[in-house]
Amino acid sequence: MNLKQVLEAMSKGEVLCMGYSNEGNGKEYWLEPRRAMVRCDVAERVISIVGIEIGGDRLFTDASSQTWKMNNEDRVTWGKRKKRKKHNA
């Protein structure tokens, strides 16, 4: 999935999740509830975007979150932004 697809899914209420592979391959990211896999580089870009919040599932205050969601304000406006009109020169 690309960045736009992940953000579109999150605007509809899906949650970005992170876990560790059973095969020892490191971190894995996916969208819940449909378990659509997300590449690590895309997930890390999503996490850094303003409007993406942690899911509140940290076990310790200095630990990383394992879920991220789009805040309600951005969920309402995502995809409804007006496209710029092209001006002919």
C-alpha atoms as a PDB file:
ATOM      1  CA  MET A   1       0.000   0.000   0.000  1.00  0.00           C
ATOM      2  CA  ASN A   2       1.207   3.490  -0.702  1.00  0.00           C
ATOM      3  CA  LEU A   3       0.997   6.511   1.611  1.00  0.00           C
ATOM      4  CA  LYS A   4      -2.229   7.842   0.103  1.00  0.00           C
ATOM      5  CA  GLN A   5      -3.973   4.463   0.366  1.00  0.00           C
ATOM      6  CA  VAL A   6      -2.995   4.079   4.017  1.00  0.00           C
ATOM      7  CA  LEU A   7      -4.184   7.582   4.896  1.00  0.00           C
ATOM      8  CA  GLU A   8      -7.428   7.008   3.002  1.00  0.00           C
ATOM      9  CA  ALA A   9      -8.047   3.798   4.990  1.00  0.00           C
ATOM     10  CA  MET A  10      -7.228   5.539   8.266  1.00  0.00           C
ATOM     11  CA  SER A  11      -9.638   8.363   7.410  1.00  0.00           C
ATOM     12  CA  LYS A  12     -12.345   5.689   7.279  1.00  0.00           C
ATOM     13  CA  GLY A  13     -11.450   4.487  10.775  1.00  0.00           C
ATOM     14  CA  GLU A  14      -8.832   1.800  10.184  1.00  0.00           C
ATOM     15  CA  VAL A  15      -5.953   1.659  12.656  1.00  0.00           C
ATOM     16  CA  LEU A  16      -2.263   1.247  11.806  1.00  0.00           C
ATOM     17  CA  CYS A  17      -0.736  -1.496  13.958  1.00  0.00           C
ATOM     18  CA  MET A  18       2.842  -2.616  14.593  1.00  0.00           C
ATOM     19  CA  GLY A  19       4.123  -5.949  15.795  1.00  0.00           C
ATOM     20  CA  TYR A  20       7.152  -8.181  15.459  1.00  0.00           C
ATOM     21  CA  SER A  21       7.429 -11.023  12.987  1.00  0.00           C
ATOM     22  CA  ASN A  22       7.394 -14.596  14.281  1.00  0.00           C
ATOM     23  CA  GLU A  23      10.164 -15.351  11.784  1.00  0.00           C
ATOM     24  CA  GLY A  24      12.468 -12.766  13.368  1.00  0.00           C
ATOM     25  CA  ASN A  25      12.246 -10.338  10.438  1.00  0.00           C
ATOM     26  CA  GLY A  26      11.703  -7.349  12.696  1.00  0.00           C
ATOM     27  CA  LYS A  27       8.786  -4.946  12.740  1.00  0.00           C
ATOM     28  CA  GLU A  28       5.655  -5.451  10.676  1.00  0.00           C
ATOM     29  CA  TYR A  29       2.903  -2.917  10.077  1.00  0.00           C
ATOM     30  CA  TRP A  30      -0.683  -3.561   9.005  1.00  0.00           C
ATOM     31  CA  LEU A  31      -4.116  -1.954   9.008  1.00  0.00           C
ATOM     32  CA  GLU A  32      -6.876  -3.314  11.211  1.00  0.00           C
ATOM     33  CA  PRO A  33      -9.467  -4.689  10.919  1.00  0.00           C
ATOM     34  CA  ARG A  34      -8.607  -6.137   7.484  1.00  0.00           C
ATOM     35  CA  ARG A  35      -4.916  -6.934   8.189  1.00  0.00           C
ATOM     36  CA  ALA A  36      -3.685  -5.222   5.015  1.00  0.00           C
ATOM     37  CA  MET A  37       0.113  -5.185   5.211  1.00  0.00           C
ATOM     38  CA  VAL A  38       1.925  -1.827   5.024  1.00  0.00           C
ATOM     39  CA  ARG A  39       5.613  -1.474   4.152  1.00  0.00           C
ATOM     40  CA  CYS A  40       7.793  -0.206   7.012  1.00  0.00           C
ATOM     41  CA  ASP A  41       8.945   2.913   5.132  1.00  0.00           C
ATOM     42  CA  VAL A  42       5.333   3.892   4.359  1.00  0.00           C
ATOM     43  CA  ALA A  43       4.186   3.240   7.939  1.00  0.00           C
ATOM     44  CA  GLU A  44       6.997   5.357   9.365  1.00  0.00           C
ATOM     45  CA  ARG A  45       6.021   8.239   7.065  1.00  0.00           C
ATOM     46  CA  VAL A  46       2.375   7.901   8.146  1.00  0.00           C
ATOM     47  CA  ILE A  47       3.333   7.960  11.838  1.00  0.00           C
ATOM     48  CA  SER A  48       5.249  11.224  11.367  1.00  0.00           C
ATOM     49  CA  ILE A  49       2.285  13.090   9.807  1.00  0.00           C
ATOM     50  CA  VAL A  50       0.466  15.714  11.855  1.00  0.00           C
ATOM     51  CA  GLY A  51      -3.011  14.411  12.629  1.00  0.00           C
ATOM     52  CA  ILE A  52      -1.871  10.849  13.297  1.00  0.00           C
ATOM     53  CA  GLU A  53      -2.116  10.001  16.995  1.00  0.00           C
ATOM     54  CA  ILE A  54      -0.898   7.111  19.096  1.00  0.00           C
ATOM     55  CA  GLY A  55      -3.588   4.647  20.049  1.00  0.00           C
ATOM     56  CA  GLY A  56      -2.896   4.898  23.775  1.00  0.00           C
ATOM     57  CA  ASP A  57      -1.641   1.344  24.144  1.00  0.00           C
ATOM     58  CA  ARG A  58       1.842   1.912  25.590  1.00  0.00           C
ATOM     59  CA  LEU A  59       2.728  -0.455  28.376  1.00  0.00           C
ATOM     60  CA  PHE A  60       5.345   1.976  29.741  1.00  0.00           C
ATOM     61  CA  THR A  61       5.572   5.743  29.251  1.00  0.00           C
ATOM     62  CA  ASP A  62       8.922   5.491  27.452  1.00  0.00           C
ATOM     63  CA  ALA A  63       7.835   2.584  25.220  1.00  0.00           C
ATOM     64  CA  SER A  64       6.702   2.867  21.629  1.00  0.00           C
ATOM     65  CA  SER A  65       3.039   2.646  20.770  1.00  0.00           C
ATOM     66  CA  GLN A  66       1.777  -0.326  18.781  1.00  0.00           C
ATOM     67  CA  THR A  67      -1.223   1.412  17.223  1.00  0.00           C
ATOM     68  CA  TRP A  68      -1.852   4.749  15.501  1.00  0.00           C
ATOM     69  CA  LYS A  69      -5.072   6.367  14.346  1.00  0.00           C
ATOM     70  CA  MET A  70      -6.097   9.507  12.508  1.00  0.00           C
ATOM     71  CA  ASN A  71      -7.513  12.160  14.836  1.00  0.00           C
ATOM     72  CA  ASN A  72     -11.207  12.952  14.475  1.00  0.00           C
ATOM     73  CA  GLU A  73     -10.714  16.419  12.980  1.00  0.00           C
ATOM     74  CA  ASP A  74      -8.520  15.096  10.158  1.00  0.00           C
ATOM     75  CA  ARG A  75     -10.824  12.111   9.592  1.00  0.00           C
ATOM     76  CA  VAL A  76     -13.677  14.496   8.850  1.00  0.00           C
ATOM     77  CA  THR A  77     -11.693  16.617   6.393  1.00  0.00           C
ATOM     78  CA  TRP A  78      -9.470  13.987   4.717  1.00  0.00           C
ATOM     79  CA  GLY A  79     -10.336  13.489   1.058  1.00  0.00           C
ATOM     80  CA  LYS A  80     -12.678  16.465   1.054  1.00  0.00           C
ATOM     81  CA  ARG A  81      -9.940  18.982   0.373  1.00  0.00           C
ATOM     82  CA  LYS A  82     -10.434  20.996  -2.758  1.00  0.00           C
ATOM     83  CA  LYS A  83      -7.972  20.427  -5.567  1.00  0.00           C
ATOM     84  CA  ARG A  84      -6.185  23.429  -6.948  1.00  0.00           C
ATOM     85  CA  LYS A  85      -7.393  24.638 -10.292  1.00  0.00           C
ATOM     86  CA  LYS A  86      -4.818  24.609 -13.054  1.00  0.00           C
ATOM     87  CA  HIS A  87      -4.311  27.929 -14.768  1.00  0.00           C
ATOM     88  CA  ASN A  88      -3.420  27.995 -18.423  1.00  0.00           C
ATOM     89  CA  ALA A  89      -0.467  30.222 -19.218  1.00  0.00           C
END
